[in-house]
Amino acid sequence: MTAASYWSLLAPAIEMAERSGSYGSEGQWTFIPVAIGFTLGAAFVYGADIFMPLLVTTISHIHVHTVLQ
């Protein structure tokens, strides 16, 4: 899965950043936008992993409370 992520997402993003010419005269900073995107994506997945069980518990509690009334 890591290889698939690299070859389908990260490598093309690095190539696009190199072609843009916005990240250093020789492209030495092309990893910056990719690293930021990767970090934000990881934070989103982590947050979803934490939030989803809480959401399911809340919905289940509301459903049980509604049925019992």
N, C-alpha and C. Protein backbone atom coordinates (compact mmCIF):
# COMPACT_ATOMS: atom_id res chain seq x y z
N MET A 1 0.82 -1.19 0.00
CA MET A 1 0.00 0.00 0.00
C MET A 1 0.87 1.26 0.00
N THR A 2 1.98 1.18 0.70
CA THR A 2 2.88 2.32 0.72
C THR A 2 3.46 2.59 -0.67
N ALA A 3 3.82 1.52 -1.37
CA ALA A 3 4.37 1.68 -2.73
C ALA A 3 3.31 2.27 -3.66
N ALA A 4 2.08 1.82 -3.52
CA ALA A 4 1.00 2.36 -4.36
C ALA A 4 0.79 3.84 -4.07
N SER A 5 0.85 4.21 -2.82
CA SER A 5 0.69 5.62 -2.45
C SER A 5 1.82 6.46 -3.04
N TYR A 6 3.02 5.93 -2.98
CA TYR A 6 4.14 6.70 -3.51
C TYR A 6 4.04 6.86 -5.02
N TRP A 7 3.88 5.76 -5.75
CA TRP A 7 3.92 5.82 -7.21
C TRP A 7 2.70 6.48 -7.82
N SER A 8 1.55 6.42 -7.16
CA SER A 8 0.36 7.01 -7.77
C SER A 8 0.06 8.42 -7.26
N LEU A 9 0.58 8.79 -6.11
CA LEU A 9 0.26 10.10 -5.53
C LEU A 9 1.49 10.98 -5.29
N LEU A 10 2.45 10.47 -4.57
CA LEU A 10 3.57 11.30 -4.14
C LEU A 10 4.56 11.60 -5.27
N ALA A 11 4.94 10.60 -6.03
CA ALA A 11 5.90 10.83 -7.13
C ALA A 11 5.34 11.81 -8.16
N PRO A 12 4.09 11.66 -8.62
CA PRO A 12 3.57 12.66 -9.56
C PRO A 12 3.49 14.07 -8.96
N ALA A 13 3.19 14.16 -7.68
CA ALA A 13 3.12 15.47 -7.04
C ALA A 13 4.50 16.12 -6.97
N ILE A 14 5.51 15.34 -6.71
CA ILE A 14 6.88 15.86 -6.68
C ILE A 14 7.28 16.33 -8.08
N GLU A 15 6.94 15.54 -9.10
CA GLU A 15 7.25 15.93 -10.48
C GLU A 15 6.53 17.23 -10.87
N MET A 16 5.28 17.37 -10.47
CA MET A 16 4.53 18.60 -10.77
C MET A 16 5.17 19.80 -10.08
N ALA A 17 5.60 19.61 -8.83
CA ALA A 17 6.25 20.70 -8.10
C ALA A 17 7.57 21.08 -8.76
N GLU A 18 8.32 20.09 -9.26
CA GLU A 18 9.58 20.38 -9.95
C GLU A 18 9.33 21.18 -11.22
N ARG A 19 8.29 20.80 -11.98
CA ARG A 19 7.99 21.49 -13.23
C ARG A 19 7.49 22.92 -13.01
N SER A 20 6.90 23.17 -11.85
CA SER A 20 6.35 24.51 -11.60
C SER A 20 7.45 25.56 -11.45
N GLY A 21 8.61 25.13 -10.95
CA GLY A 21 9.72 26.07 -10.78
C GLY A 21 9.55 27.00 -9.59
N SER A 22 8.58 26.75 -8.75
CA SER A 22 8.30 27.64 -7.61
C SER A 22 9.04 27.24 -6.34
N TYR A 23 9.75 26.13 -6.36
CA TYR A 23 10.33 25.60 -5.13
C TYR A 23 11.83 25.48 -5.21
N GLY A 24 12.49 26.57 -5.50
CA GLY A 24 13.95 26.63 -5.58
C GLY A 24 14.42 26.60 -7.03
N SER A 25 15.58 27.17 -7.25
CA SER A 25 16.11 27.26 -8.61
C SER A 25 16.41 25.90 -9.21
N GLU A 26 16.80 24.95 -8.38
CA GLU A 26 17.09 23.60 -8.86
C GLU A 26 16.07 22.59 -8.36
N GLY A 27 14.97 23.07 -7.83
CA GLY A 27 13.93 22.17 -7.34
C GLY A 27 14.24 21.51 -6.02
N GLN A 28 15.12 22.13 -5.24
CA GLN A 28 15.54 21.51 -3.98
C GLN A 28 14.44 21.51 -2.91
N TRP A 29 13.40 22.29 -3.09
CA TRP A 29 12.32 22.36 -2.09
C TRP A 29 11.01 21.75 -2.59
N THR A 30 11.07 20.93 -3.60
CA THR A 30 9.84 20.37 -4.18
C THR A 30 9.13 19.41 -3.25
N PHE A 31 9.83 18.92 -2.24
CA PHE A 31 9.18 18.00 -1.30
C PHE A 31 8.24 18.72 -0.33
N ILE A 32 8.38 20.04 -0.19
CA ILE A 32 7.59 20.79 0.80
C ILE A 32 6.08 20.67 0.56
N PRO A 33 5.54 21.00 -0.61
CA PRO A 33 4.09 20.88 -0.77
C PRO A 33 3.60 19.44 -0.65
N VAL A 34 4.42 18.50 -1.09
CA VAL A 34 4.04 17.08 -0.98
C VAL A 34 4.02 16.65 0.48
N ALA A 35 5.02 17.07 1.24
CA ALA A 35 5.08 16.72 2.66
C ALA A 35 3.92 17.34 3.43
N ILE A 36 3.57 18.57 3.09
CA ILE A 36 2.43 19.22 3.75
C ILE A 36 1.13 18.48 3.43
N GLY A 37 0.93 18.15 2.16
CA GLY A 37 -0.27 17.41 1.77
C GLY A 37 -0.34 16.03 2.41
N PHE A 38 0.79 15.35 2.47
CA PHE A 38 0.84 14.03 3.09
C PHE A 38 0.52 14.12 4.57
N THR A 39 1.07 15.12 5.25
CA THR A 39 0.82 15.30 6.68
C THR A 39 -0.64 15.65 6.95
N LEU A 40 -1.21 16.54 6.14
CA LEU A 40 -2.62 16.88 6.31
C LEU A 40 -3.52 15.67 6.05
N GLY A 41 -3.18 14.88 5.06
CA GLY A 41 -3.95 13.66 4.78
C GLY A 41 -3.88 12.68 5.93
N ALA A 42 -2.69 12.49 6.48
CA ALA A 42 -2.52 11.59 7.63
C ALA A 42 -3.30 12.11 8.85
N ALA A 43 -3.28 13.42 9.06
CA ALA A 43 -4.03 14.00 10.18
C ALA A 43 -5.53 13.81 9.98
N PHE A 44 -6.01 13.94 8.74
CA PHE A 44 -7.43 13.73 8.46
C PHE A 44 -7.83 12.28 8.74
N VAL A 45 -7.02 11.33 8.29
CA VAL A 45 -7.34 9.91 8.52
C VAL A 45 -7.31 9.60 10.01
N TYR A 46 -6.33 10.13 10.72
CA TYR A 46 -6.25 9.92 12.17
C TYR A 46 -7.47 10.52 12.88
N GLY A 47 -7.83 11.74 12.50
CA GLY A 47 -9.00 12.38 13.10
C GLY A 47 -10.27 11.62 12.81
N ALA A 48 -10.42 11.12 11.58
CA ALA A 48 -11.59 10.32 11.23
C ALA A 48 -11.62 9.04 12.04
N ASP A 49 -10.46 8.44 12.26
CA ASP A 49 -10.36 7.21 13.05
C ASP A 49 -10.81 7.45 14.48
N ILE A 50 -10.50 8.61 15.01
CA ILE A 50 -10.92 8.95 16.39
C ILE A 50 -12.40 9.34 16.41
N PHE A 51 -12.85 10.11 15.42
CA PHE A 51 -14.19 10.68 15.43
C PHE A 51 -15.28 9.67 15.10
N MET A 52 -15.05 8.75 14.19
CA MET A 52 -16.09 7.83 13.73
C MET A 52 -16.67 6.97 14.85
N PRO A 53 -15.86 6.35 15.70
CA PRO A 53 -16.47 5.57 16.80
C PRO A 53 -17.33 6.43 17.73
N LEU A 54 -16.93 7.66 17.94
CA LEU A 54 -17.73 8.55 18.78
C LEU A 54 -19.07 8.86 18.12
N LEU A 55 -19.05 9.05 16.83
CA LEU A 55 -20.26 9.34 16.08
C LEU A 55 -21.21 8.14 16.10
N VAL A 56 -20.68 6.95 15.91
CA VAL A 56 -21.52 5.74 15.92
C VAL A 56 -22.12 5.53 17.30
N THR A 57 -21.35 5.74 18.35
CA THR A 57 -21.86 5.59 19.71
C THR A 57 -22.97 6.59 19.98
N THR A 58 -22.81 7.83 19.54
CA THR A 58 -23.82 8.85 19.74
C THR A 58 -25.09 8.52 18.97
N ILE A 59 -24.97 8.09 17.74
CA ILE A 59 -26.15 7.73 16.94
C ILE A 59 -26.85 6.53 17.54
N SER A 60 -26.10 5.51 17.99
CA SER A 60 -26.70 4.33 18.61
C SER A 60 -27.44 4.72 19.88
N HIS A 61 -26.86 5.61 20.67
CA HIS A 61 -27.49 6.04 21.91
C HIS A 61 -28.79 6.79 21.60
N ILE A 62 -28.77 7.65 20.60
CA ILE A 62 -29.98 8.40 20.22
C ILE A 62 -31.04 7.42 19.72
N HIS A 63 -30.68 6.43 18.92
CA HIS A 63 -31.62 5.46 18.38
C HIS A 63 -32.25 4.64 19.49
N VAL A 64 -31.44 4.15 20.45
CA VAL A 64 -31.96 3.35 21.57
C VAL A 64 -32.89 4.22 22.43
N HIS A 65 -32.49 5.45 22.66
CA HIS A 65 -33.32 6.35 23.47
C HIS A 65 -34.66 6.61 22.78
N THR A 66 -34.68 6.77 21.49
CA THR A 66 -35.90 7.03 20.72
C THR A 66 -36.81 5.82 20.72
N VAL A 67 -36.24 4.61 20.57
CA VAL A 67 -37.02 3.38 20.52
C VAL A 67 -37.65 3.09 21.86
N LEU A 68 -36.96 3.37 22.95
CA LEU A 68 -37.47 3.06 24.28
C LEU A 68 -38.59 4.01 24.72
N GLN A 69 -38.72 5.13 24.09
CA GLN A 69 -39.76 6.08 24.53
C GLN A 69 -41.09 5.72 24.02
